[in-house]
Amino acid sequence: MKVILRAVLIVFLLKSSCFSGEADVVGVRVERIDPAGLQVWVTVQHDDDGWDHYADRWEILDLEGNLLDTRVLLHPHSPEPFTRSIPKVTLPPTLRKIKIRAHDSVHGYGGKEMVVDVPS
């Protein structure tokens, strides 16, 4: 009986902290809205597991790793994947590519990232 209870407890603990995995960027759309600004839509895949483990933001970086903008996600999302945007992103005029990464409240960074071209 103790073995069964231990097994159930282990499965419960693993599910609550690990099974949701890392947040992956699975799609990015970038559109020029004016000479100085872009709108960026990002699709994130993460099996949100409630308030204790969910995708809580995604970021735009240059290829050197400098943070350019962040979209904070204030609550768990369902169903997955989900898409959110930043309506106006201003980037340095010489920037030709950006990297998008997602973050979750348990694993931090580490999921799939995407590099995309900046439209001229």
Protein backbone atom coordinates (compact mmCIF):
# COMPACT_ATOMS: atom_id res chain seq x y z
CA MET A 1 0.00 0.00 0.00
CA LYS A 2 2.84 2.42 0.84
CA VAL A 3 4.41 1.77 -2.57
CA ILE A 4 1.17 2.69 -4.35
CA LEU A 5 0.77 5.88 -2.31
CA ARG A 6 4.37 6.88 -3.04
CA ALA A 7 3.86 6.25 -6.75
CA VAL A 8 0.69 8.37 -6.79
CA LEU A 9 2.47 11.17 -4.93
CA ILE A 10 5.43 11.10 -7.32
CA VAL A 11 3.16 11.27 -10.37
CA PHE A 12 1.22 14.16 -8.84
CA LEU A 13 4.38 16.12 -8.05
CA LEU A 14 5.84 15.52 -11.49
CA LYS A 15 2.66 16.60 -13.23
CA SER A 16 2.35 19.76 -11.23
CA SER A 17 5.89 20.92 -11.87
CA CYS A 18 7.34 19.29 -14.96
CA PHE A 19 4.85 17.82 -17.39
CA SER A 20 3.84 21.17 -18.81
CA GLY A 21 7.35 21.53 -20.20
CA GLU A 22 8.94 24.70 -21.46
CA ALA A 23 7.19 27.43 -23.43
CA ASP A 24 7.88 27.14 -27.17
CA VAL A 25 7.54 29.87 -29.79
CA VAL A 26 5.77 28.11 -32.67
CA GLY A 27 4.85 31.07 -34.87
CA VAL A 28 5.78 34.70 -35.49
CA ARG A 29 4.25 37.30 -37.81
CA VAL A 30 5.82 40.73 -38.21
CA GLU A 31 4.14 43.56 -40.10
CA ARG A 32 5.43 47.07 -40.79
CA ILE A 33 2.75 49.53 -39.63
CA ASP A 34 4.68 52.74 -40.30
CA PRO A 35 8.29 53.74 -41.09
CA ALA A 36 9.33 53.48 -37.43
CA GLY A 37 7.06 50.75 -36.12
CA LEU A 38 6.14 47.09 -36.40
CA GLN A 39 3.34 44.96 -35.05
CA VAL A 40 4.55 41.56 -33.86
CA TRP A 41 2.28 38.55 -33.29
CA VAL A 42 3.73 35.53 -31.49
CA THR A 43 2.18 32.10 -31.07
CA VAL A 44 3.28 30.21 -27.96
CA GLN A 45 2.75 26.53 -27.20
CA HIS A 46 2.72 25.59 -23.53
CA ASP A 47 0.50 23.19 -21.65
CA ASP A 48 -0.42 25.69 -18.96
CA ASP A 49 -1.15 23.90 -15.71
CA GLY A 50 -2.92 26.70 -13.85
CA TRP A 51 -1.47 29.63 -11.94
CA ASP A 52 1.51 27.63 -10.64
CA HIS A 53 2.91 26.82 -14.10
CA TYR A 54 2.06 28.88 -17.17
CA ALA A 55 3.66 30.80 -20.03
CA ASP A 56 4.05 34.24 -18.49
CA ARG A 57 5.78 36.29 -21.20
CA TRP A 58 7.54 36.40 -24.55
CA GLU A 59 10.35 38.70 -25.62
CA ILE A 60 11.87 40.27 -28.70
CA LEU A 61 15.67 40.36 -28.78
CA ASP A 62 18.32 41.31 -31.29
CA LEU A 63 20.73 38.57 -32.37
CA GLU A 64 23.25 39.69 -29.74
CA GLY A 65 20.69 38.97 -27.01
CA ASN A 66 19.73 42.56 -26.19
CA LEU A 67 16.12 42.86 -25.02
CA LEU A 68 14.03 45.06 -27.34
CA ASP A 69 10.48 44.53 -26.06
CA THR A 70 8.39 42.22 -23.87
CA ARG A 71 4.78 41.03 -23.87
CA VAL A 72 3.75 40.05 -20.34
CA LEU A 73 1.06 37.35 -20.12
CA LEU A 74 -0.99 37.89 -17.00
CA HIS A 75 -2.84 34.57 -16.74
CA PRO A 76 -2.80 30.92 -17.86
CA HIS A 77 -4.10 30.28 -21.39
CA SER A 78 -6.26 27.55 -22.77
CA PRO A 79 -6.65 26.09 -25.33
CA GLU A 80 -3.11 25.93 -26.61
CA PRO A 81 -1.37 27.28 -28.63
CA PHE A 82 -2.28 30.94 -28.27
CA THR A 83 -1.29 34.11 -30.14
CA ARG A 84 -0.76 37.58 -28.66
CA SER A 85 0.77 40.73 -30.12
CA ILE A 86 2.65 43.87 -29.30
CA PRO A 87 0.86 46.53 -31.35
CA LYS A 88 3.81 48.87 -31.87
CA VAL A 89 7.44 47.86 -31.59
CA THR A 90 10.11 50.42 -32.43
CA LEU A 91 13.43 48.86 -33.46
CA PRO A 92 16.78 50.32 -34.52
CA PRO A 93 16.51 51.14 -38.26
CA THR A 94 19.49 48.95 -39.20
CA LEU A 95 18.10 45.81 -37.53
CA ARG A 96 17.32 43.08 -40.10
CA LYS A 97 16.50 40.07 -37.88
CA ILE A 98 14.95 39.56 -34.45
CA LYS A 99 14.78 36.59 -32.10
CA ILE A 100 11.62 35.69 -30.17
CA ARG A 101 11.71 33.59 -27.02
CA ALA A 102 9.05 32.58 -24.50
CA HIS A 103 9.25 32.17 -20.73
CA ASP A 104 7.23 30.11 -18.28
CA SER A 105 6.83 30.48 -14.55
CA VAL A 106 8.58 27.18 -13.66
CA HIS A 107 11.29 26.54 -16.27
CA GLY A 108 12.09 30.10 -17.28
CA TYR A 109 13.62 30.16 -20.78
CA GLY A 110 14.71 27.12 -22.72
CA GLY A 111 11.92 26.27 -25.12
CA LYS A 112 11.96 26.67 -28.89
CA GLU A 113 12.94 30.16 -30.12
CA MET A 114 12.47 31.67 -33.57
CA VAL A 115 14.55 34.12 -35.62
CA VAL A 116 12.63 36.11 -38.21
CA ASP A 117 13.34 38.87 -40.73
CA VAL A 118 12.31 42.45 -40.00
CA PRO A 119 10.27 43.74 -42.96
CA SER A 120 11.65 46.84 -44.65
